[in-house]
Structures are given as structure tokens and as C-alpha cells.
Protein backbone atom coordinates (compact mmCIF):
# COMPACT_ATOMS: atom_id res chain seq x y z
CA UNK A 1 124.04 112.80 102.45
CA UNK A 2 122.51 111.98 99.20
CA UNK A 3 118.95 112.70 98.11
CA UNK A 4 116.41 109.97 98.36
CA UNK A 5 112.98 109.45 97.04
CA UNK A 6 109.88 107.94 98.74
CA UNK A 7 105.69 107.23 97.94
CA UNK A 8 104.18 107.57 101.37
CA UNK A 9 100.29 106.52 101.90
CA UNK A 10 98.25 108.48 103.57
CA UNK A 11 94.82 107.33 105.17
CA UNK A 12 92.03 110.32 106.03
CA UNK A 13 90.46 109.38 109.43
CA UNK A 14 88.14 111.21 112.18
CA UNK A 15 91.51 112.58 113.84
CA UNK A 16 93.47 113.78 110.55
CA UNK A 17 95.87 112.41 107.91
CA UNK A 18 97.56 108.44 108.84
CA UNK A 19 100.31 107.65 107.58
CA UNK A 20 100.54 104.03 106.88
CA UNK A 21 103.64 102.87 104.36
CA UNK A 22 106.30 104.22 103.28
CA UNK A 23 108.22 102.74 100.43
CA UNK A 24 111.87 103.77 99.74
CA UNK A 25 111.87 104.03 95.68
CA UNK A 26 115.64 105.03 95.33
CA UNK A 27 118.48 107.92 94.79
CA UNK A 28 118.04 108.32 91.19
CA UNK A 29 115.13 110.77 90.38
CA UNK A 30 114.40 109.84 86.86
CA UNK A 31 113.78 106.27 88.33
CA UNK A 32 111.73 107.59 91.09
CA UNK A 33 109.40 109.62 88.99
CA UNK A 34 109.32 107.25 86.49
CA UNK A 35 107.92 104.66 89.02
CA UNK A 36 105.58 107.50 90.44
CA UNK A 37 103.74 107.88 86.87
CA UNK A 38 102.55 104.17 86.30
CA UNK A 39 100.39 104.50 89.74
CA UNK A 40 96.74 104.30 88.87
CA UNK A 41 94.67 107.71 90.66
CA UNK A 42 94.14 111.18 90.08
CA UNK A 43 95.45 114.57 90.65
CA UNK A 44 91.83 116.10 91.33
CA UNK A 45 92.47 116.21 95.34
CA UNK A 46 90.13 117.06 97.45
CA UNK A 47 89.19 116.95 101.29
CA UNK A 48 86.31 114.22 100.32
CA UNK A 49 89.37 111.80 99.48
CA UNK A 50 90.69 109.61 101.68
CA UNK A 51 93.68 107.86 100.46
CA UNK A 52 96.70 109.80 99.25
CA UNK A 53 99.72 108.93 97.18
CA UNK A 54 102.88 110.80 98.18
CA UNK A 55 106.10 111.10 96.11
CA UNK A 56 108.01 112.64 98.40
CA UNK A 57 112.18 113.44 97.66
CA UNK A 58 114.25 113.99 100.92
CA UNK A 59 117.37 116.05 100.21
CA UNK A 60 119.60 117.09 103.58
CA UNK A 61 117.14 115.00 106.19
CA UNK A 62 114.47 117.58 104.71
CA UNK A 63 110.89 115.90 103.21
CA UNK A 64 110.00 117.87 100.27
CA UNK A 65 106.49 116.93 98.56
CA UNK A 66 107.15 116.69 94.73
CA UNK A 67 103.41 115.46 93.78
CA UNK A 68 100.14 113.70 95.55
CA UNK A 69 97.66 111.90 93.77
CA UNK A 70 94.80 110.31 95.58
CA UNK A 71 93.13 106.84 94.62
CA UNK A 72 90.82 104.59 95.19
CA UNK A 73 90.98 100.79 96.94
CA UNK A 74 91.32 98.56 94.19
CA UNK A 75 93.83 101.58 92.55
CA UNK A 76 95.88 100.99 95.69
CA UNK A 77 96.08 97.18 95.84
CA UNK A 78 97.53 97.62 92.43
CA UNK A 79 99.98 100.72 93.11
CA UNK A 80 101.20 98.26 95.47
CA UNK A 81 101.60 95.82 92.84
CA UNK A 82 103.23 98.32 90.73
CA UNK A 83 105.61 99.90 93.21
CA UNK A 84 106.73 96.24 94.39
CA UNK A 85 107.22 94.91 90.97
CA UNK A 86 109.22 97.68 89.85
CA UNK A 87 111.70 97.98 93.05
CA UNK A 88 112.18 94.22 92.41
CA UNK A 89 113.05 94.69 89.05
CA UNK A 90 115.22 97.61 90.06
CA UNK A 91 116.98 95.34 92.85
CA UNK A 92 117.11 91.98 91.35
CA UNK A 93 117.42 92.36 87.67
CA UNK A 94 118.77 95.72 86.59
CA UNK A 95 122.05 95.17 88.35
CA UNK A 96 123.27 92.34 86.49
């Protein structure tokens, strides 16, 4: 089974952490890491934060959290734009 990379979005709620989005960003570690590095936010994660973005590797069906950042709602909107743009480029432009 090949290695896959994801970016997951999680929201802190009164009942705990709730995942609400998951982006498959490919099988290429270098490319996936490059996309994650472009995201806006901070690595200074604390329990006061509400929005979390995880960089996850799935190998042999088992997920491993590689990195996490937290962001504001405005940064989240920008991050979704960045992820979508990068996925569009890799799926439509870089294959030719």
C-alpha cells in the first residue's frame, strides 16, 4: 500500500475536536510538504486555539500526524484557496 498525504481541518467544540474537512494532497512527500509549508497560521498551538490544520501521512493504512498549525478564520479561507490552487496545478497543469 502506498503512502498518502492529507491535510485535515479540525474545529474545537464544547464536546471536543471535530474534523470537518480532509484534503488528499497526493503521494509525493516533497510536494505534499511544500503545500503544507505555504499555509498561513502558527505552530504555537495551545488549548485556546479553535481551528487546527494537520499534515497527515498514511502509510500501510495507519495515519501519522507529521505537523500541526492553528489559524484564524481568515487564514483558513486563504489556506483553502492555497490548497485548491496547488491541487488544481498538480492535477491539470503539471501532468502535461
